[in-house]
């Protein structure tokens, strides 16, 4: 029992000292800096817009989080968060709702 307590204390001290050493001597840039938050429609709203656009075959413009815009129609729903989007007769894109910034009717 006493050996186990010594082993646990040794392990805890080793982990603590190692992390302190790394934090004090190396800069990995892991600080929590406040980055500009990307404005995105709420996920539930995106889900409703996507499902309605799919069901009623609306032509829409979707803006992705990287500001890439696609103009076309949702033609298939893979699951509740993934759709197949037809841009033209030769180009289809699989889009996930959490990667979409906004959906707008054309």
PDB file of N, CA and C in Angstrom:
ATOM      1  N   UNK A   1       0.829  -1.193   0.000  1.00  0.00           N
ATOM      2  CA  UNK A   1       0.000   0.000   0.000  1.00  0.00           C
ATOM      3  C   UNK A   1       0.873   1.256   0.000  1.00  0.00           C
ATOM      4  N   UNK A   2       1.908   1.211   0.851  1.00  0.00           N
ATOM      5  CA  UNK A   2       2.787   2.365   0.947  1.00  0.00           C
ATOM      6  C   UNK A   2       3.581   2.538  -0.352  1.00  0.00           C
ATOM      7  N   UNK A   3       3.956   1.448  -0.987  1.00  0.00           N
ATOM      8  CA  UNK A   3       4.683   1.521  -2.255  1.00  0.00           C
ATOM      9  C   UNK A   3       3.796   2.137  -3.333  1.00  0.00           C
ATOM     10  N   UNK A   4       2.528   1.788  -3.336  1.00  0.00           N
ATOM     11  CA  UNK A   4       1.596   2.344  -4.319  1.00  0.00           C
ATOM     12  C   UNK A   4       1.448   3.844  -4.136  1.00  0.00           C
ATOM     13  N   UNK A   5       1.341   4.312  -2.882  1.00  0.00           N
ATOM     14  CA  UNK A   5       1.229   5.741  -2.606  1.00  0.00           C
ATOM     15  C   UNK A   5       2.488   6.481  -3.046  1.00  0.00           C
ATOM     16  N   UNK A   6       3.651   5.898  -2.807  1.00  0.00           N
ATOM     17  CA  UNK A   6       4.908   6.519  -3.240  1.00  0.00           C
ATOM     18  C   UNK A   6       4.968   6.581  -4.764  1.00  0.00           C
ATOM     19  N   UNK A   7       4.523   5.503  -5.419  1.00  0.00           N
ATOM     20  CA  UNK A   7       4.506   5.468  -6.889  1.00  0.00           C
ATOM     21  C   UNK A   7       3.559   6.543  -7.435  1.00  0.00           C
ATOM     22  N   UNK A   8       2.358   6.681  -6.871  1.00  0.00           N
ATOM     23  CA  UNK A   8       1.395   7.692  -7.319  1.00  0.00           C
ATOM     24  C   UNK A   8       1.931   9.103  -7.102  1.00  0.00           C
ATOM     25  N   UNK A   9       2.566   9.332  -5.950  1.00  0.00           N
ATOM     26  CA  UNK A   9       3.129  10.648  -5.659  1.00  0.00           C
ATOM     27  C   UNK A   9       4.279  10.955  -6.621  1.00  0.00           C
ATOM     28  N   UNK A  10       5.129   9.944  -6.876  1.00  0.00           N
ATOM     29  CA  UNK A  10       6.237  10.107  -7.819  1.00  0.00           C
ATOM     30  C   UNK A  10       5.711  10.442  -9.215  1.00  0.00           C
ATOM     31  N   UNK A  11       4.693   9.723  -9.674  1.00  0.00           N
ATOM     32  CA  UNK A  11       4.112   9.955 -10.995  1.00  0.00           C
ATOM     33  C   UNK A  11       3.499  11.346 -11.084  1.00  0.00           C
ATOM     34  N   UNK A  12       2.782  11.744 -10.062  1.00  0.00           N
ATOM     35  CA  UNK A  12       2.161  13.072 -10.043  1.00  0.00           C
ATOM     36  C   UNK A  12       3.229  14.160 -10.085  1.00  0.00           C
ATOM     37  N   UNK A  13       4.273  14.011  -9.278  1.00  0.00           N
ATOM     38  CA  UNK A  13       5.355  14.997  -9.273  1.00  0.00           C
ATOM     39  C   UNK A  13       6.077  15.046 -10.617  1.00  0.00           C
ATOM     40  N   UNK A  14       6.305  13.889 -11.220  1.00  0.00           N
ATOM     41  CA  UNK A  14       6.976  13.833 -12.514  1.00  0.00           C
ATOM     42  C   UNK A  14       6.168  14.560 -13.583  1.00  0.00           C
ATOM     43  N   UNK A  15       4.879  14.302 -13.625  1.00  0.00           N
ATOM     44  CA  UNK A  15       4.009  14.965 -14.606  1.00  0.00           C
ATOM     45  C   UNK A  15       3.989  16.469 -14.356  1.00  0.00           C
ATOM     46  N   UNK A  16       3.827  16.866 -13.116  1.00  0.00           N
ATOM     47  CA  UNK A  16       3.768  18.281 -12.758  1.00  0.00           C
ATOM     48  C   UNK A  16       5.069  18.998 -13.125  1.00  0.00           C
ATOM     49  N   UNK A  17       6.219  18.406 -12.759  1.00  0.00           N
ATOM     50  CA  UNK A  17       7.509  19.030 -13.056  1.00  0.00           C
ATOM     51  C   UNK A  17       7.779  19.083 -14.561  1.00  0.00           C
ATOM     52  N   UNK A  18       7.385  18.058 -15.290  1.00  0.00           N
ATOM     53  CA  UNK A  18       7.585  18.040 -16.742  1.00  0.00           C
ATOM     54  C   UNK A  18       6.752  19.113 -17.421  1.00  0.00           C
ATOM     55  N   UNK A  19       5.500  19.235 -17.040  1.00  0.00           N
ATOM     56  CA  UNK A  19       4.653  20.265 -17.655  1.00  0.00           C
ATOM     57  C   UNK A  19       5.135  21.664 -17.299  1.00  0.00           C
ATOM     58  N   UNK A  20       5.581  21.867 -16.078  1.00  0.00           N
ATOM     59  CA  UNK A  20       6.140  23.175 -15.703  1.00  0.00           C
ATOM     60  C   UNK A  20       7.382  23.488 -16.523  1.00  0.00           C
ATOM     61  N   UNK A  21       8.253  22.493 -16.707  1.00  0.00           N
ATOM     62  CA  UNK A  21       9.455  22.686 -17.498  1.00  0.00           C
ATOM     63  C   UNK A  21       9.115  23.068 -18.937  1.00  0.00           C
ATOM     64  N   UNK A  22       8.181  22.360 -19.526  1.00  0.00           N
ATOM     65  CA  UNK A  22       7.769  22.651 -20.910  1.00  0.00           C
ATOM     66  C   UNK A  22       7.145  24.043 -21.000  1.00  0.00           C
ATOM     67  N   UNK A  23       6.272  24.367 -20.078  1.00  0.00           N
ATOM     68  CA  UNK A  23       5.614  25.680 -20.100  1.00  0.00           C
ATOM     69  C   UNK A  23       6.603  26.822 -19.917  1.00  0.00           C
ATOM     70  N   UNK A  24       7.620  26.627 -19.092  1.00  0.00           N
ATOM     71  CA  UNK A  24       8.577  27.692 -18.803  1.00  0.00           C
ATOM     72  C   UNK A  24       9.665  27.835 -19.859  1.00  0.00           C
ATOM     73  N   UNK A  25       9.946  26.779 -20.612  1.00  0.00           N
ATOM     74  CA  UNK A  25      11.101  26.808 -21.505  1.00  0.00           C
ATOM     75  C   UNK A  25      10.775  26.754 -22.996  1.00  0.00           C
ATOM     76  N   UNK A  26       9.592  26.386 -23.341  1.00  0.00           N
ATOM     77  CA  UNK A  26       9.241  26.259 -24.753  1.00  0.00           C
ATOM     78  C   UNK A  26       8.003  27.092 -25.043  1.00  0.00           C
ATOM     79  N   UNK A  27       7.991  27.707 -26.217  1.00  0.00           N
ATOM     80  CA  UNK A  27       6.826  28.494 -26.634  1.00  0.00           C
ATOM     81  C   UNK A  27       6.212  27.821 -27.851  1.00  0.00           C
ATOM     82  N   UNK A  28       5.119  27.139 -27.627  1.00  0.00           N
ATOM     83  CA  UNK A  28       4.433  26.454 -28.719  1.00  0.00           C
ATOM     84  C   UNK A  28       3.308  27.290 -29.306  1.00  0.00           C
ATOM     85  N   UNK A  29       3.081  28.473 -28.786  1.00  0.00           N
ATOM     86  CA  UNK A  29       1.991  29.306 -29.284  1.00  0.00           C
ATOM     87  C   UNK A  29       0.631  28.725 -28.966  1.00  0.00           C
ATOM     88  N   UNK A  30       0.484  28.107 -27.815  1.00  0.00           N
ATOM     89  CA  UNK A  30      -0.779  27.486 -27.451  1.00  0.00           C
ATOM     90  C   UNK A  30      -1.656  28.392 -26.597  1.00  0.00           C
ATOM     91  N   UNK A  31      -1.329  29.662 -26.570  1.00  0.00           N
ATOM     92  CA  UNK A  31      -2.112  30.586 -25.760  1.00  0.00           C
ATOM     93  C   UNK A  31      -3.495  30.751 -26.363  1.00  0.00           C
ATOM     94  N   UNK A  32      -4.469  30.949 -25.507  1.00  0.00           N
ATOM     95  CA  UNK A  32      -5.837  31.160 -25.967  1.00  0.00           C
ATOM     96  C   UNK A  32      -6.014  32.617 -26.362  1.00  0.00           C
ATOM     97  N   UNK A  33      -5.743  32.899 -27.608  1.00  0.00           N
ATOM     98  CA  UNK A  33      -5.916  34.261 -28.096  1.00  0.00           C
ATOM     99  C   UNK A  33      -7.313  34.387 -28.671  1.00  0.00           C
ATOM    100  N   UNK A  34      -7.908  35.531 -28.439  1.00  0.00           N
ATOM    101  CA  UNK A  34      -9.256  35.728 -28.960  1.00  0.00           C
ATOM    102  C   UNK A  34      -9.164  36.046 -30.451  1.00  0.00           C
ATOM    103  N   UNK A  35      -9.583  35.093 -31.265  1.00  0.00           N
ATOM    104  CA  UNK A  35      -9.609  35.284 -32.701  1.00  0.00           C
ATOM    105  C   UNK A  35     -10.969  35.819 -33.089  1.00  0.00           C
ATOM    106  N   UNK A  36     -11.033  36.463 -34.228  1.00  0.00           N
ATOM    107  CA  UNK A  36     -12.319  36.979 -34.659  1.00  0.00           C
ATOM    108  C   UNK A  36     -13.261  35.814 -34.922  1.00  0.00           C
ATOM    109  N   UNK A  37     -14.391  35.866 -34.316  1.00  0.00           N
ATOM    110  CA  UNK A  37     -15.389  34.810 -34.433  1.00  0.00           C
ATOM    111  C   UNK A  37     -16.088  34.917 -35.780  1.00  0.00           C
ATOM    112  N   UNK A  38     -16.164  33.810 -36.497  1.00  0.00           N
ATOM    113  CA  UNK A  38     -16.869  33.789 -37.778  1.00  0.00           C
ATOM    114  C   UNK A  38     -18.362  33.780 -37.490  1.00  0.00           C
ATOM    115  N   UNK A  39     -19.070  34.735 -38.070  1.00  0.00           N
ATOM    116  CA  UNK A  39     -20.510  34.784 -37.852  1.00  0.00           C
ATOM    117  C   UNK A  39     -21.155  33.714 -38.707  1.00  0.00           C
ATOM    118  N   UNK A  40     -21.925  32.876 -38.068  1.00  0.00           N
ATOM    119  CA  UNK A  40     -22.581  31.753 -38.731  1.00  0.00           C
ATOM    120  C   UNK A  40     -24.027  31.697 -38.279  1.00  0.00           C
ATOM    121  N   UNK A  41     -24.895  31.342 -39.216  1.00  0.00           N
ATOM    122  CA  UNK A  41     -26.291  31.145 -38.845  1.00  0.00           C
ATOM    123  C   UNK A  41     -26.344  30.021 -37.810  1.00  0.00           C
ATOM    124  N   UNK A  42     -27.296  30.070 -36.882  1.00  0.00           N
ATOM    125  CA  UNK A  42     -27.427  28.967 -35.921  1.00  0.00           C
ATOM    126  C   UNK A  42     -27.674  27.647 -36.664  1.00  0.00           C
ATOM    127  N   UNK A  43     -27.124  26.559 -36.130  1.00  0.00           N
ATOM    128  CA  UNK A  43     -27.199  25.266 -36.790  1.00  0.00           C
ATOM    129  C   UNK A  43     -28.635  24.801 -37.024  1.00  0.00           C
ATOM    130  N   UNK A  44     -29.521  25.067 -36.080  1.00  0.00           N
ATOM    131  CA  UNK A  44     -30.928  24.674 -36.263  1.00  0.00           C
ATOM    132  C   UNK A  44     -31.553  25.439 -37.430  1.00  0.00           C
ATOM    133  N   UNK A  45     -31.220  26.704 -37.566  1.00  0.00           N
ATOM    134  CA  UNK A  45     -31.750  27.510 -38.667  1.00  0.00           C
ATOM    135  C   UNK A  45     -31.187  27.003 -39.996  1.00  0.00           C
ATOM    136  N   UNK A  46     -29.906  26.674 -40.039  1.00  0.00           N
ATOM    137  CA  UNK A  46     -29.316  26.110 -41.250  1.00  0.00           C
ATOM    138  C   UNK A  46     -29.999  24.802 -41.627  1.00  0.00           C
ATOM    139  N   UNK A  47     -30.288  23.974 -40.620  1.00  0.00           N
ATOM    140  CA  UNK A  47     -30.943  22.693 -40.866  1.00  0.00           C
ATOM    141  C   UNK A  47     -32.332  22.903 -41.462  1.00  0.00           C
ATOM    142  N   UNK A  48     -33.100  23.845 -40.905  1.00  0.00           N
ATOM    143  CA  UNK A  48     -34.449  24.126 -41.411  1.00  0.00           C
ATOM    144  C   UNK A  48     -34.378  24.669 -42.832  1.00  0.00           C
ATOM    145  N   UNK A  49     -33.480  25.625 -43.086  1.00  0.00           N
ATOM    146  CA  UNK A  49     -33.341  26.203 -44.426  1.00  0.00           C
ATOM    147  C   UNK A  49     -32.936  25.134 -45.441  1.00  0.00           C
ATOM    148  N   UNK A  50     -31.984  24.292 -45.076  1.00  0.00           N
ATOM    149  CA  UNK A  50     -31.505  23.254 -45.998  1.00  0.00           C
ATOM    150  C   UNK A  50     -32.611  22.244 -46.306  1.00  0.00           C
ATOM    151  N   UNK A  51     -33.331  21.800 -45.281  1.00  0.00           N
ATOM    152  CA  UNK A  51     -34.403  20.826 -45.496  1.00  0.00           C
ATOM    153  C   UNK A  51     -35.523  21.417 -46.346  1.00  0.00           C
ATOM    154  N   UNK A  52     -35.928  22.655 -46.082  1.00  0.00           N
ATOM    155  CA  UNK A  52     -36.968  23.287 -46.890  1.00  0.00           C
ATOM    156  C   UNK A  52     -36.507  23.495 -48.328  1.00  0.00           C
ATOM    157  N   UNK A  53     -35.273  23.925 -48.497  1.00  0.00           N
ATOM    158  CA  UNK A  53     -34.737  24.133 -49.845  1.00  0.00           C
ATOM    159  C   UNK A  53     -34.666  22.820 -50.603  1.00  0.00           C
ATOM    160  N   UNK A  54     -34.319  21.746 -49.909  1.00  0.00           N
ATOM    161  CA  UNK A  54     -34.259  20.422 -50.530  1.00  0.00           C
ATOM    162  C   UNK A  54     -35.647  19.940 -50.921  1.00  0.00           C
ATOM    163  N   UNK A  55     -36.605  20.038 -49.994  1.00  0.00           N
ATOM    164  CA  UNK A  55     -37.953  19.543 -50.245  1.00  0.00           C
ATOM    165  C   UNK A  55     -38.666  20.322 -51.342  1.00  0.00           C
ATOM    166  N   UNK A  56     -38.474  21.633 -51.382  1.00  0.00           N
ATOM    167  CA  UNK A  56     -39.191  22.470 -52.354  1.00  0.00           C
ATOM    168  C   UNK A  56     -38.352  22.784 -53.585  1.00  0.00           C
ATOM    169  N   UNK A  57     -37.128  22.192 -53.649  1.00  0.00           N
ATOM    170  CA  UNK A  57     -36.236  22.354 -54.804  1.00  0.00           C
ATOM    171  C   UNK A  57     -35.926  23.818 -55.122  1.00  0.00           C
ATOM    172  N   UNK A  58     -35.698  24.604 -54.067  1.00  0.00           N
ATOM    173  CA  UNK A  58     -35.350  26.009 -54.236  1.00  0.00           C
ATOM    174  C   UNK A  58     -33.918  26.141 -54.750  1.00  0.00           C
ATOM    175  N   UNK A  59     -33.699  27.161 -55.555  1.00  0.00           N
ATOM    176  CA  UNK A  59     -32.353  27.527 -55.970  1.00  0.00           C
ATOM    177  C   UNK A  59     -31.797  28.472 -54.905  1.00  0.00           C
ATOM    178  N   UNK A  60     -30.618  28.126 -54.364  1.00  0.00           N
ATOM    179  CA  UNK A  60     -30.054  28.881 -53.253  1.00  0.00           C
ATOM    180  C   UNK A  60     -28.577  29.190 -53.495  1.00  0.00           C
ATOM    181  N   UNK A  61     -28.085  30.129 -52.716  1.00  0.00           N
ATOM    182  CA  UNK A  61     -26.648  30.409 -52.652  1.00  0.00           C
ATOM    183  C   UNK A  61     -26.219  30.068 -51.235  1.00  0.00           C
ATOM    184  N   UNK A  62     -25.259  29.161 -51.136  1.00  0.00           N
ATOM    185  CA  UNK A  62     -24.726  28.849 -49.814  1.00  0.00           C
ATOM    186  C   UNK A  62     -23.324  29.459 -49.710  1.00  0.00           C
ATOM    187  N   UNK A  63     -23.060  30.030 -48.563  1.00  0.00           N
ATOM    188  CA  UNK A  63     -21.747  30.607 -48.284  1.00  0.00           C
ATOM    189  C   UNK A  63     -21.089  29.725 -47.232  1.00  0.00           C
ATOM    190  N   UNK A  64     -19.912  29.211 -47.587  1.00  0.00           N
ATOM    191  CA  UNK A  64     -19.188  28.341 -46.679  1.00  0.00           C
ATOM    192  C   UNK A  64     -18.416  29.203 -45.663  1.00  0.00           C
ATOM    193  N   UNK A  65     -17.882  28.580 -44.628  1.00  0.00           N
ATOM    194  CA  UNK A  65     -17.140  29.308 -43.598  1.00  0.00           C
ATOM    195  C   UNK A  65     -15.891  29.990 -44.150  1.00  0.00           C
ATOM    196  N   UNK A  66     -15.342  29.457 -45.249  1.00  0.00           N
ATOM    197  CA  UNK A  66     -14.167  30.081 -45.869  1.00  0.00           C
ATOM    198  C   UNK A  66     -14.573  31.115 -46.918  1.00  0.00           C
ATOM    199  N   UNK A  67     -15.826  31.556 -46.907  1.00  0.00           N
ATOM    200  CA  UNK A  67     -16.413  32.558 -47.803  1.00  0.00           C
ATOM    201  C   UNK A  67     -16.543  32.092 -49.250  1.00  0.00           C
ATOM    202  N   UNK A  68     -16.382  30.817 -49.518  1.00  0.00           N
ATOM    203  CA  UNK A  68     -16.636  30.264 -50.849  1.00  0.00           C
ATOM    204  C   UNK A  68     -18.151  30.187 -51.035  1.00  0.00           C
ATOM    205  N   UNK A  69     -18.637  30.677 -52.168  1.00  0.00           N
ATOM    206  CA  UNK A  69     -20.076  30.662 -52.427  1.00  0.00           C
ATOM    207  C   UNK A  69     -20.395  29.672 -53.527  1.00  0.00           C
ATOM    208  N   UNK A  70     -21.484  28.933 -53.331  1.00  0.00           N
ATOM    209  CA  UNK A  70     -21.964  27.974 -54.318  1.00  0.00           C
ATOM    210  C   UNK A  70     -23.414  28.302 -54.639  1.00  0.00           C
ATOM    211  N   UNK A  71     -23.755  28.317 -55.928  1.00  0.00           N
ATOM    212  CA  UNK A  71     -25.115  28.595 -56.375  1.00  0.00           C
ATOM    213  C   UNK A  71     -25.665  27.321 -56.986  1.00  0.00           C
ATOM    214  N   UNK A  72     -26.797  26.849 -56.468  1.00  0.00           N
ATOM    215  CA  UNK A  72     -27.380  25.622 -56.991  1.00  0.00           C
ATOM    216  C   UNK A  72     -28.551  25.156 -56.159  1.00  0.00           C
ATOM    217  N   UNK A  73     -28.737  23.819 -56.130  1.00  0.00           N
ATOM    218  CA  UNK A  73     -29.867  23.223 -55.404  1.00  0.00           C
ATOM    219  C   UNK A  73     -29.399  22.024 -54.595  1.00  0.00           C
ATOM    220  N   UNK A  74     -30.064  21.826 -53.450  1.00  0.00           N
ATOM    221  CA  UNK A  74     -29.849  20.611 -52.678  1.00  0.00           C
ATOM    222  C   UNK A  74     -30.615  19.500 -53.393  1.00  0.00           C
ATOM    223  N   UNK A  75     -29.934  18.399 -53.743  1.00  0.00           N
ATOM    224  CA  UNK A  75     -30.628  17.343 -54.481  1.00  0.00           C
ATOM    225  C   UNK A  75     -30.779  16.058 -53.684  1.00  0.00           C
ATOM    226  N   UNK A  76     -30.048  15.935 -52.581  1.00  0.00           N
ATOM    227  CA  UNK A  76     -30.145  14.721 -51.782  1.00  0.00           C
ATOM    228  C   UNK A  76     -29.725  15.019 -50.351  1.00  0.00           C
ATOM    229  N   UNK A  77     -30.371  14.325 -49.422  1.00  0.00           N
ATOM    230  CA  UNK A  77     -30.020  14.464 -48.020  1.00  0.00           C
ATOM    231  C   UNK A  77     -29.396  13.149 -47.562  1.00  0.00           C
ATOM    232  N   UNK A  78     -28.108  13.184 -47.229  1.00  0.00           N
ATOM    233  CA  UNK A  78     -27.387  11.985 -46.809  1.00  0.00           C
ATOM    234  C   UNK A  78     -27.762  11.618 -45.375  1.00  0.00           C
ATOM    235  N   UNK A  79     -27.713  12.591 -44.496  1.00  0.00           N
ATOM    236  CA  UNK A  79     -28.180  12.439 -43.113  1.00  0.00           C
ATOM    237  C   UNK A  79     -28.648  13.810 -42.645  1.00  0.00           C
ATOM    238  N   UNK A  80     -28.912  13.966 -41.366  1.00  0.00           N
ATOM    239  CA  UNK A  80     -29.505  15.227 -40.913  1.00  0.00           C
ATOM    240  C   UNK A  80     -28.563  16.418 -41.039  1.00  0.00           C
ATOM    241  N   UNK A  81     -27.258  16.178 -41.181  1.00  0.00           N
ATOM    242  CA  UNK A  81     -26.301  17.281 -41.271  1.00  0.00           C
ATOM    243  C   UNK A  81     -25.493  17.296 -42.558  1.00  0.00           C
ATOM    244  N   UNK A  82     -25.814  16.424 -43.515  1.00  0.00           N
ATOM    245  CA  UNK A  82     -25.021  16.325 -44.737  1.00  0.00           C
ATOM    246  C   UNK A  82     -25.957  16.260 -45.940  1.00  0.00           C
ATOM    247  N   UNK A  83     -25.669  17.108 -46.948  1.00  0.00           N
ATOM    248  CA  UNK A  83     -26.477  17.183 -48.152  1.00  0.00           C
ATOM    249  C   UNK A  83     -25.587  17.116 -49.391  1.00  0.00           C
ATOM    250  N   UNK A  84     -26.178  16.649 -50.504  1.00  0.00           N
ATOM    251  CA  UNK A  84     -25.514  16.732 -51.797  1.00  0.00           C
ATOM    252  C   UNK A  84     -26.067  17.968 -52.486  1.00  0.00           C
ATOM    253  N   UNK A  85     -25.171  18.838 -52.938  1.00  0.00           N
ATOM    254  CA  UNK A  85     -25.537  20.125 -53.529  1.00  0.00           C
ATOM    255  C   UNK A  85     -25.116  20.122 -54.993  1.00  0.00           C
ATOM    256  N   UNK A  86     -26.075  20.369 -55.890  1.00  0.00           N
ATOM    257  CA  UNK A  86     -25.800  20.381 -57.323  1.00  0.00           C
ATOM    258  C   UNK A  86     -25.535  21.813 -57.767  1.00  0.00           C
ATOM    259  N   UNK A  87     -24.304  22.067 -58.228  1.00  0.00           N
ATOM    260  CA  UNK A  87     -23.930  23.392 -58.701  1.00  0.00           C
ATOM    261  C   UNK A  87     -24.282  23.529 -60.178  1.00  0.00           C
ATOM    262  N   UNK A  88     -23.922  22.539 -60.980  1.00  0.00           N
ATOM    263  CA  UNK A  88     -24.346  22.473 -62.377  1.00  0.00           C
ATOM    264  C   UNK A  88     -24.417  21.000 -62.765  1.00  0.00           C
ATOM    265  N   UNK A  89     -24.661  20.719 -64.041  1.00  0.00           N
ATOM    266  CA  UNK A  89     -24.870  19.325 -64.431  1.00  0.00           C
ATOM    267  C   UNK A  89     -23.629  18.457 -64.248  1.00  0.00           C
ATOM    268  N   UNK A  90     -22.461  19.062 -64.149  1.00  0.00           N
ATOM    269  CA  UNK A  90     -21.230  18.289 -64.013  1.00  0.00           C
ATOM    270  C   UNK A  90     -20.578  18.405 -62.638  1.00  0.00           C
ATOM    271  N   UNK A  91     -21.064  19.273 -61.784  1.00  0.00           N
ATOM    272  CA  UNK A  91     -20.386  19.527 -60.517  1.00  0.00           C
ATOM    273  C   UNK A  91     -21.353  19.397 -59.352  1.00  0.00           C
ATOM    274  N   UNK A  92     -21.033  18.473 -58.455  1.00  0.00           N
ATOM    275  CA  UNK A  92     -21.808  18.257 -57.241  1.00  0.00           C
ATOM    276  C   UNK A  92     -20.861  18.423 -56.055  1.00  0.00           C
ATOM    277  N   UNK A  93     -21.396  18.874 -54.953  1.00  0.00           N
ATOM    278  CA  UNK A  93     -20.585  19.037 -53.755  1.00  0.00           C
ATOM    279  C   UNK A  93     -21.347  18.470 -52.567  1.00  0.00           C
ATOM    280  N   UNK A  94     -20.630  17.744 -51.722  1.00  0.00           N
ATOM    281  CA  UNK A  94     -21.222  17.266 -50.475  1.00  0.00           C
ATOM    282  C   UNK A  94     -20.949  18.337 -49.433  1.00  0.00           C
ATOM    283  N   UNK A  95     -22.016  18.883 -48.874  1.00  0.00           N
ATOM    284  CA  UNK A  95     -21.864  19.961 -47.896  1.00  0.00           C
ATOM    285  C   UNK A  95     -22.381  19.499 -46.540  1.00  0.00           C
ATOM    286  N   UNK A  96     -21.645  19.900 -45.509  1.00  0.00           N
ATOM    287  CA  UNK A  96     -22.061  19.618 -44.140  1.00  0.00           C
ATOM    288  C   UNK A  96     -22.533  20.927 -43.524  1.00  0.00           C
ATOM    289  N   UNK A  97     -23.615  20.882 -42.793  1.00  0.00           N
ATOM    290  CA  UNK A  97     -24.225  22.102 -42.266  1.00  0.00           C
ATOM    291  C   UNK A  97     -23.287  22.876 -41.352  1.00  0.00           C
ATOM    292  N   UNK A  98     -22.427  22.191 -40.610  1.00  0.00           N
ATOM    293  CA  UNK A  98     -21.532  22.919 -39.707  1.00  0.00           C
ATOM    294  C   UNK A  98     -20.409  23.637 -40.444  1.00  0.00           C
ATOM    295  N   UNK A  99     -20.281  23.414 -41.750  1.00  0.00           N
ATOM    296  CA  UNK A  99     -19.284  24.110 -42.572  1.00  0.00           C
ATOM    297  C   UNK A  99     -19.902  25.245 -43.384  1.00  0.00           C
ATOM    298  N   UNK A 100     -21.203  25.468 -43.207  1.00  0.00           N
ATOM    299  CA  UNK A 100     -21.921  26.507 -43.948  1.00  0.00           C
ATOM    300  C   UNK A 100     -22.098  27.730 -43.057  1.00  0.00           C
ATOM    301  N   UNK A 101     -21.826  28.888 -43.638  1.00  0.00           N
ATOM    302  CA  UNK A 101     -22.029  30.144 -42.913  1.00  0.00           C
ATOM    303  C   UNK A 101     -23.473  30.614 -43.060  1.00  0.00           C
ATOM    304  N   UNK A 102     -24.014  30.555 -44.296  1.00  0.00           N
ATOM    305  CA  UNK A 102     -25.390  30.993 -44.510  1.00  0.00           C
ATOM    306  C   UNK A 102     -25.979  30.357 -45.769  1.00  0.00           C
ATOM    307  N   UNK A 103     -27.306  30.312 -45.807  1.00  0.00           N
ATOM    308  CA  UNK A 103     -28.066  29.840 -46.963  1.00  0.00           C
ATOM    309  C   UNK A 103     -29.035  30.957 -47.343  1.00  0.00           C
ATOM    310  N   UNK A 104     -29.005  31.365 -48.609  1.00  0.00           N
ATOM    311  CA  UNK A 104     -29.891  32.445 -49.084  1.00  0.00           C
ATOM    312  C   UNK A 104     -30.627  32.007 -50.337  1.00  0.00           C
ATOM    313  N   UNK A 105     -31.909  32.338 -50.398  1.00  0.00           N
ATOM    314  CA  UNK A 105     -32.690  32.071 -51.617  1.00  0.00           C
ATOM    315  C   UNK A 105     -32.240  32.988 -52.729  1.00  0.00           C
ATOM    316  N   UNK A 106     -32.316  32.475 -53.946  1.00  0.00           N
ATOM    317  CA  UNK A 106     -31.953  33.291 -55.107  1.00  0.00           C
ATOM    318  C   UNK A 106     -33.198  33.923 -55.664  1.00  0.00           C
TER     319      UNK A 106
END
